[in-house]
Amino acid sequence: FARGSAPTRPCDHRTLRWPRLAGR
């Protein structure tokens, strides 16, 4: 990343889970 543009919030995988999408 360019200095100052890196993400700051950590990943919480429990709230960002979704099934693999296929087709539509």
PDB file of all heavy atoms in Angstrom:
ATOM      1  N   PHE A   1       0.847  -1.192   0.000  1.00  0.00           N
ATOM      2  CA  PHE A   1       0.000   0.000   0.000  1.00  0.00           C
ATOM      3  C   PHE A   1       0.877   1.235   0.000  1.00  0.00           C
ATOM      4  O   PHE A   1       1.992   1.229   0.524  1.00  0.00           O
ATOM      5  CB  PHE A   1      -0.903   0.033   1.247  1.00  0.00           C
ATOM      6  CG  PHE A   1      -1.919  -1.057   1.294  1.00  0.00           C
ATOM      7  CD1 PHE A   1      -1.615  -2.292   1.833  1.00  0.00           C
ATOM      8  CD2 PHE A   1      -3.196  -0.861   0.784  1.00  0.00           C
ATOM      9  CE1 PHE A   1      -2.544  -3.309   1.871  1.00  0.00           C
ATOM     10  CE2 PHE A   1      -4.137  -1.882   0.813  1.00  0.00           C
ATOM     11  CZ  PHE A   1      -3.812  -3.111   1.360  1.00  0.00           C
ATOM     12  N   ALA A   2       0.329   2.309  -0.587  1.00  0.00           N
ATOM     13  CA  ALA A   2       0.975   3.604  -0.409  1.00  0.00           C
ATOM     14  C   ALA A   2       0.808   4.001   1.051  1.00  0.00           C
ATOM     15  O   ALA A   2      -0.231   3.749   1.669  1.00  0.00           O
ATOM     16  CB  ALA A   2       0.336   4.640  -1.325  1.00  0.00           C
ATOM     17  N   ARG A   3       1.854   4.603   1.613  1.00  0.00           N
ATOM     18  CA  ARG A   3       1.814   4.945   3.038  1.00  0.00           C
ATOM     19  C   ARG A   3       0.583   5.805   3.335  1.00  0.00           C
ATOM     20  O   ARG A   3       0.297   6.780   2.640  1.00  0.00           O
ATOM     21  CB  ARG A   3       3.085   5.695   3.422  1.00  0.00           C
ATOM     22  CG  ARG A   3       3.279   5.830   4.934  1.00  0.00           C
ATOM     23  CD  ARG A   3       4.619   6.471   5.236  1.00  0.00           C
ATOM     24  NE  ARG A   3       5.729   5.660   4.758  1.00  0.00           N
ATOM     25  CZ  ARG A   3       6.239   4.621   5.398  1.00  0.00           C
ATOM     26  NH1 ARG A   3       5.693   4.236   6.551  1.00  0.00           N
ATOM     27  NH2 ARG A   3       7.255   3.948   4.907  1.00  0.00           N
ATOM     28  N   GLY A   4      -0.162   5.397   4.342  1.00  0.00           N
ATOM     29  CA  GLY A   4      -1.354   6.132   4.735  1.00  0.00           C
ATOM     30  C   GLY A   4      -2.632   5.618   4.114  1.00  0.00           C
ATOM     31  O   GLY A   4      -3.707   6.080   4.480  1.00  0.00           O
ATOM     32  N   SER A   5      -2.526   4.653   3.175  1.00  0.00           N
ATOM     33  CA  SER A   5      -3.736   4.157   2.519  1.00  0.00           C
ATOM     34  C   SER A   5      -4.087   2.738   2.943  1.00  0.00           C
ATOM     35  O   SER A   5      -5.042   2.166   2.437  1.00  0.00           O
ATOM     36  CB  SER A   5      -3.564   4.193   0.994  1.00  0.00           C
ATOM     37  OG  SER A   5      -2.560   3.265   0.586  1.00  0.00           O
ATOM     38  N   ALA A   6      -3.331   2.155   3.867  1.00  0.00           N
ATOM     39  CA  ALA A   6      -3.574   0.772   4.275  1.00  0.00           C
ATOM     40  C   ALA A   6      -4.826   0.677   5.139  1.00  0.00           C
ATOM     41  O   ALA A   6      -5.185   1.628   5.837  1.00  0.00           O
ATOM     42  CB  ALA A   6      -2.370   0.243   5.037  1.00  0.00           C
ATOM     43  N   PRO A   7      -5.538  -0.454   5.104  1.00  0.00           N
ATOM     44  CA  PRO A   7      -6.739  -0.623   5.929  1.00  0.00           C
ATOM     45  C   PRO A   7      -6.384  -0.630   7.413  1.00  0.00           C
ATOM     46  O   PRO A   7      -5.305  -1.066   7.816  1.00  0.00           O
ATOM     47  CB  PRO A   7      -7.291  -1.978   5.477  1.00  0.00           C
ATOM     48  CG  PRO A   7      -6.114  -2.698   4.931  1.00  0.00           C
ATOM     49  CD  PRO A   7      -5.242  -1.660   4.313  1.00  0.00           C
ATOM     50  N   THR A   8      -7.313  -0.126   8.218  1.00  0.00           N
ATOM     51  CA  THR A   8      -7.067  -0.049   9.667  1.00  0.00           C
ATOM     52  C   THR A   8      -7.960  -0.986  10.455  1.00  0.00           C
ATOM     53  O   THR A   8      -7.584  -1.441  11.523  1.00  0.00           O
ATOM     54  CB  THR A   8      -7.285   1.387  10.155  1.00  0.00           C
ATOM     55  OG1 THR A   8      -8.624   1.808   9.809  1.00  0.00           O
ATOM     56  CG2 THR A   8      -6.285   2.337   9.489  1.00  0.00           C
ATOM     57  N   ARG A   9      -9.161  -1.312   9.968  1.00  0.00           N
ATOM     58  CA  ARG A   9     -10.084  -2.156  10.731  1.00  0.00           C
ATOM     59  C   ARG A   9      -9.745  -3.622  10.523  1.00  0.00           C
ATOM     60  O   ARG A   9      -9.564  -4.076   9.399  1.00  0.00           O
ATOM     61  CB  ARG A   9     -11.519  -1.890  10.295  1.00  0.00           C
ATOM     62  CG  ARG A   9     -11.965  -0.454  10.567  1.00  0.00           C
ATOM     63  CD  ARG A   9     -13.369  -0.223  10.103  1.00  0.00           C
ATOM     64  NE  ARG A   9     -14.320  -1.050  10.853  1.00  0.00           N
ATOM     65  CZ  ARG A   9     -15.627  -1.074  10.598  1.00  0.00           C
ATOM     66  NH1 ARG A   9     -16.118  -0.334   9.626  1.00  0.00           N
ATOM     67  NH2 ARG A   9     -16.427  -1.853  11.301  1.00  0.00           N
ATOM     68  N   PRO A  10      -9.657  -4.395  11.615  1.00  0.00           N
ATOM     69  CA  PRO A  10      -9.329  -5.822  11.479  1.00  0.00           C
ATOM     70  C   PRO A  10     -10.520  -6.613  10.956  1.00  0.00           C
ATOM     71  O   PRO A  10     -11.669  -6.198  11.048  1.00  0.00           O
ATOM     72  CB  PRO A  10      -8.971  -6.237  12.899  1.00  0.00           C
ATOM     73  CG  PRO A  10      -9.759  -5.298  13.760  1.00  0.00           C
ATOM     74  CD  PRO A  10      -9.808  -3.985  13.021  1.00  0.00           C
ATOM     75  N   CYS A  11     -10.235  -7.761  10.419  1.00  0.00           N
ATOM     76  CA  CYS A  11     -11.270  -8.641   9.887  1.00  0.00           C
ATOM     77  C   CYS A  11     -11.921  -9.418  11.021  1.00  0.00           C
ATOM     78  O   CYS A  11     -11.242  -9.981  11.887  1.00  0.00           O
ATOM     79  CB  CYS A  11     -10.635  -9.603   8.886  1.00  0.00           C
ATOM     80  SG  CYS A  11     -11.696 -10.980   8.424  1.00  0.00           S
ATOM     81  N   ASP A  12     -13.264  -9.421  11.046  1.00  0.00           N
ATOM     82  CA  ASP A  12     -14.010 -10.292  11.948  1.00  0.00           C
ATOM     83  C   ASP A  12     -14.752 -11.279  11.059  1.00  0.00           C
ATOM     84  O   ASP A  12     -15.845 -11.004  10.572  1.00  0.00           O
ATOM     85  CB  ASP A  12     -14.975  -9.471  12.810  1.00  0.00           C
ATOM     86  CG  ASP A  12     -15.701 -10.351  13.821  1.00  0.00           C
ATOM     87  OD1 ASP A  12     -15.570 -11.597  13.732  1.00  0.00           O
ATOM     88  OD2 ASP A  12     -16.390  -9.811  14.676  1.00  0.00           O
ATOM     89  N   HIS A  13     -14.155 -12.439  10.820  1.00  0.00           N
ATOM     90  CA  HIS A  13     -14.683 -13.379   9.847  1.00  0.00           C
ATOM     91  C   HIS A  13     -16.078 -13.878  10.213  1.00  0.00           C
ATOM     92  O   HIS A  13     -16.871 -14.236   9.344  1.00  0.00           O
ATOM     93  CB  HIS A  13     -13.726 -14.560   9.709  1.00  0.00           C
ATOM     94  CG  HIS A  13     -14.113 -15.505   8.606  1.00  0.00           C
ATOM     95  ND1 HIS A  13     -14.158 -15.124   7.284  1.00  0.00           N
ATOM     96  CD2 HIS A  13     -14.502 -16.811   8.638  1.00  0.00           C
ATOM     97  CE1 HIS A  13     -14.530 -16.152   6.541  1.00  0.00           C
ATOM     98  NE2 HIS A  13     -14.752 -17.184   7.342  1.00  0.00           N
ATOM     99  N   ARG A  14     -16.426 -13.832  11.536  1.00  0.00           N
ATOM    100  CA  ARG A  14     -17.731 -14.359  11.952  1.00  0.00           C
ATOM    101  C   ARG A  14     -18.878 -13.527  11.404  1.00  0.00           C
ATOM    102  O   ARG A  14     -19.957 -14.040  11.124  1.00  0.00           O
ATOM    103  CB  ARG A  14     -17.808 -14.398  13.475  1.00  0.00           C
ATOM    104  CG  ARG A  14     -16.895 -15.448  14.101  1.00  0.00           C
ATOM    105  CD  ARG A  14     -16.771 -15.251  15.586  1.00  0.00           C
ATOM    106  NE  ARG A  14     -16.159 -13.940  15.887  1.00  0.00           N
ATOM    107  CZ  ARG A  14     -15.935 -13.497  17.119  1.00  0.00           C
ATOM    108  NH1 ARG A  14     -16.285 -14.234  18.163  1.00  0.00           N
ATOM    109  NH2 ARG A  14     -15.366 -12.329  17.317  1.00  0.00           N
ATOM    110  N   THR A  15     -18.653 -12.221  11.195  1.00  0.00           N
ATOM    111  CA  THR A  15     -19.738 -11.364  10.704  1.00  0.00           C
ATOM    112  C   THR A  15     -19.662 -11.138   9.198  1.00  0.00           C
ATOM    113  O   THR A  15     -20.492 -10.442   8.639  1.00  0.00           O
ATOM    114  CB  THR A  15     -19.692  -9.996  11.398  1.00  0.00           C
ATOM    115  OG1 THR A  15     -18.459  -9.347  11.054  1.00  0.00           O
ATOM    116  CG2 THR A  15     -19.789 -10.154  12.902  1.00  0.00           C
ATOM    117  N   LEU A  16     -18.636 -11.711   8.555  1.00  0.00           N
ATOM    118  CA  LEU A  16     -18.453 -11.473   7.123  1.00  0.00           C
ATOM    119  C   LEU A  16     -18.517 -12.762   6.326  1.00  0.00           C
ATOM    120  O   LEU A  16     -17.994 -12.853   5.231  1.00  0.00           O
ATOM    121  CB  LEU A  16     -17.103 -10.779   6.884  1.00  0.00           C
ATOM    122  CG  LEU A  16     -16.980  -9.383   7.492  1.00  0.00           C
ATOM    123  CD1 LEU A  16     -15.558  -8.884   7.394  1.00  0.00           C
ATOM    124  CD2 LEU A  16     -17.918  -8.418   6.799  1.00  0.00           C
ATOM    125  N   ARG A  17     -19.154 -13.766   6.887  1.00  0.00           N
ATOM    126  CA  ARG A  17     -19.252 -15.048   6.206  1.00  0.00           C
ATOM    127  C   ARG A  17     -20.425 -15.043   5.218  1.00  0.00           C
ATOM    128  O   ARG A  17     -21.494 -14.563   5.519  1.00  0.00           O
ATOM    129  CB  ARG A  17     -19.449 -16.156   7.242  1.00  0.00           C
ATOM    130  CG  ARG A  17     -19.315 -17.566   6.678  1.00  0.00           C
ATOM    131  CD  ARG A  17     -19.674 -18.586   7.769  1.00  0.00           C
ATOM    132  NE  ARG A  17     -18.898 -18.366   8.967  1.00  0.00           N
ATOM    133  CZ  ARG A  17     -17.681 -18.874   9.171  1.00  0.00           C
ATOM    134  NH1 ARG A  17     -17.128 -19.623   8.249  1.00  0.00           N
ATOM    135  NH2 ARG A  17     -17.038 -18.636  10.299  1.00  0.00           N
ATOM    136  N   TRP A  18     -20.214 -15.533   4.021  1.00  0.00           N
ATOM    137  CA  TRP A  18     -21.308 -15.708   3.068  1.00  0.00           C
ATOM    138  C   TRP A  18     -21.039 -16.940   2.228  1.00  0.00           C
ATOM    139  O   TRP A  18     -19.892 -17.345   2.053  1.00  0.00           O
ATOM    140  CB  TRP A  18     -21.521 -14.476   2.191  1.00  0.00           C
ATOM    141  CG  TRP A  18     -20.365 -14.115   1.295  1.00  0.00           C
ATOM    142  CD1 TRP A  18     -20.054 -14.651   0.107  1.00  0.00           C
ATOM    143  CD2 TRP A  18     -19.373 -13.122   1.547  1.00  0.00           C
ATOM    144  NE1 TRP A  18     -18.940 -14.073  -0.425  1.00  0.00           N
ATOM    145  CE2 TRP A  18     -18.499 -13.116   0.451  1.00  0.00           C
ATOM    146  CE3 TRP A  18     -19.151 -12.220   2.606  1.00  0.00           C
ATOM    147  CZ2 TRP A  18     -17.417 -12.256   0.366  1.00  0.00           C
ATOM    148  CZ3 TRP A  18     -18.084 -11.368   2.503  1.00  0.00           C
ATOM    149  CH2 TRP A  18     -17.225 -11.394   1.396  1.00  0.00           C
ATOM    150  N   PRO A  19     -22.108 -17.564   1.717  1.00  0.00           N
ATOM    151  CA  PRO A  19     -21.894 -18.774   0.918  1.00  0.00           C
ATOM    152  C   PRO A  19     -21.258 -18.441  -0.423  1.00  0.00           C
ATOM    153  O   PRO A  19     -21.382 -17.325  -0.920  1.00  0.00           O
ATOM    154  CB  PRO A  19     -23.316 -19.324   0.737  1.00  0.00           C
ATOM    155  CG  PRO A  19     -24.190 -18.124   0.836  1.00  0.00           C
ATOM    156  CD  PRO A  19     -23.537 -17.211   1.849  1.00  0.00           C
ATOM    157  N   ARG A  20     -20.544 -19.412  -1.002  1.00  0.00           N
ATOM    158  CA  ARG A  20     -19.981 -19.230  -2.339  1.00  0.00           C
ATOM    159  C   ARG A  20     -21.130 -19.106  -3.331  1.00  0.00           C
ATOM    160  O   ARG A  20     -22.046 -19.919  -3.337  1.00  0.00           O
ATOM    161  CB  ARG A  20     -19.094 -20.422  -2.703  1.00  0.00           C
ATOM    162  CG  ARG A  20     -18.417 -20.249  -4.068  1.00  0.00           C
ATOM    163  CD  ARG A  20     -17.394 -21.333  -4.282  1.00  0.00           C
ATOM    164  NE  ARG A  20     -16.700 -21.149  -5.542  1.00  0.00           N
ATOM    165  CZ  ARG A  20     -15.677 -20.320  -5.734  1.00  0.00           C
ATOM    166  NH1 ARG A  20     -15.218 -19.613  -4.721  1.00  0.00           N
ATOM    167  NH2 ARG A  20     -15.096 -20.193  -6.909  1.00  0.00           N
ATOM    168  N   LEU A  21     -21.071 -18.097  -4.161  1.00  0.00           N
ATOM    169  CA  LEU A  21     -22.173 -17.796  -5.056  1.00  0.00           C
ATOM    170  C   LEU A  21     -21.920 -18.416  -6.418  1.00  0.00           C
ATOM    171  O   LEU A  21     -20.810 -18.375  -6.936  1.00  0.00           O
ATOM    172  CB  LEU A  21     -22.327 -16.279  -5.203  1.00  0.00           C
ATOM    173  CG  LEU A  21     -22.536 -15.546  -3.859  1.00  0.00           C
ATOM    174  CD1 LEU A  21     -22.412 -14.059  -4.059  1.00  0.00           C
ATOM    175  CD2 LEU A  21     -23.903 -15.883  -3.296  1.00  0.00           C
ATOM    176  N   ALA A  22     -22.930 -18.974  -6.993  1.00  0.00           N
ATOM    177  CA  ALA A  22     -22.828 -19.563  -8.325  1.00  0.00           C
ATOM    178  C   ALA A  22     -24.043 -19.121  -9.128  1.00  0.00           C
ATOM    179  O   ALA A  22     -25.133 -18.933  -8.587  1.00  0.00           O
ATOM    180  CB  ALA A  22     -22.778 -21.083  -8.247  1.00  0.00           C
ATOM    181  N   GLY A  23     -23.830 -19.000 -10.447  1.00  0.00           N
ATOM    182  CA  GLY A  23     -24.953 -18.582 -11.288  1.00  0.00           C
ATOM    183  C   GLY A  23     -25.309 -17.142 -11.006  1.00  0.00           C
ATOM    184  O   GLY A  23     -24.508 -16.240 -11.176  1.00  0.00           O
ATOM    185  N   ARG A  24     -26.490 -16.894 -10.467  1.00  0.00           N
ATOM    186  CA  ARG A  24     -26.929 -15.536 -10.174  1.00  0.00           C
ATOM    187  C   ARG A  24     -26.657 -15.221  -8.704  1.00  0.00           C
ATOM    188  O   ARG A  24     -26.630 -16.085  -7.851  1.00  0.00           O
ATOM    189  CB  ARG A  24     -28.422 -15.377 -10.477  1.00  0.00           C
ATOM    190  CG  ARG A  24     -28.739 -15.525 -11.962  1.00  0.00           C
ATOM    191  CD  ARG A  24     -30.188 -15.157 -12.220  1.00  0.00           C
ATOM    192  NE  ARG A  24     -30.504 -13.800 -11.792  1.00  0.00           N
ATOM    193  CZ  ARG A  24     -30.217 -12.716 -12.521  1.00  0.00           C
ATOM    194  NH1 ARG A  24     -29.615 -12.844 -13.676  1.00  0.00           N
ATOM    195  NH2 ARG A  24     -30.539 -11.520 -12.077  1.00  0.00           N
TER     196      ARG A  24
END
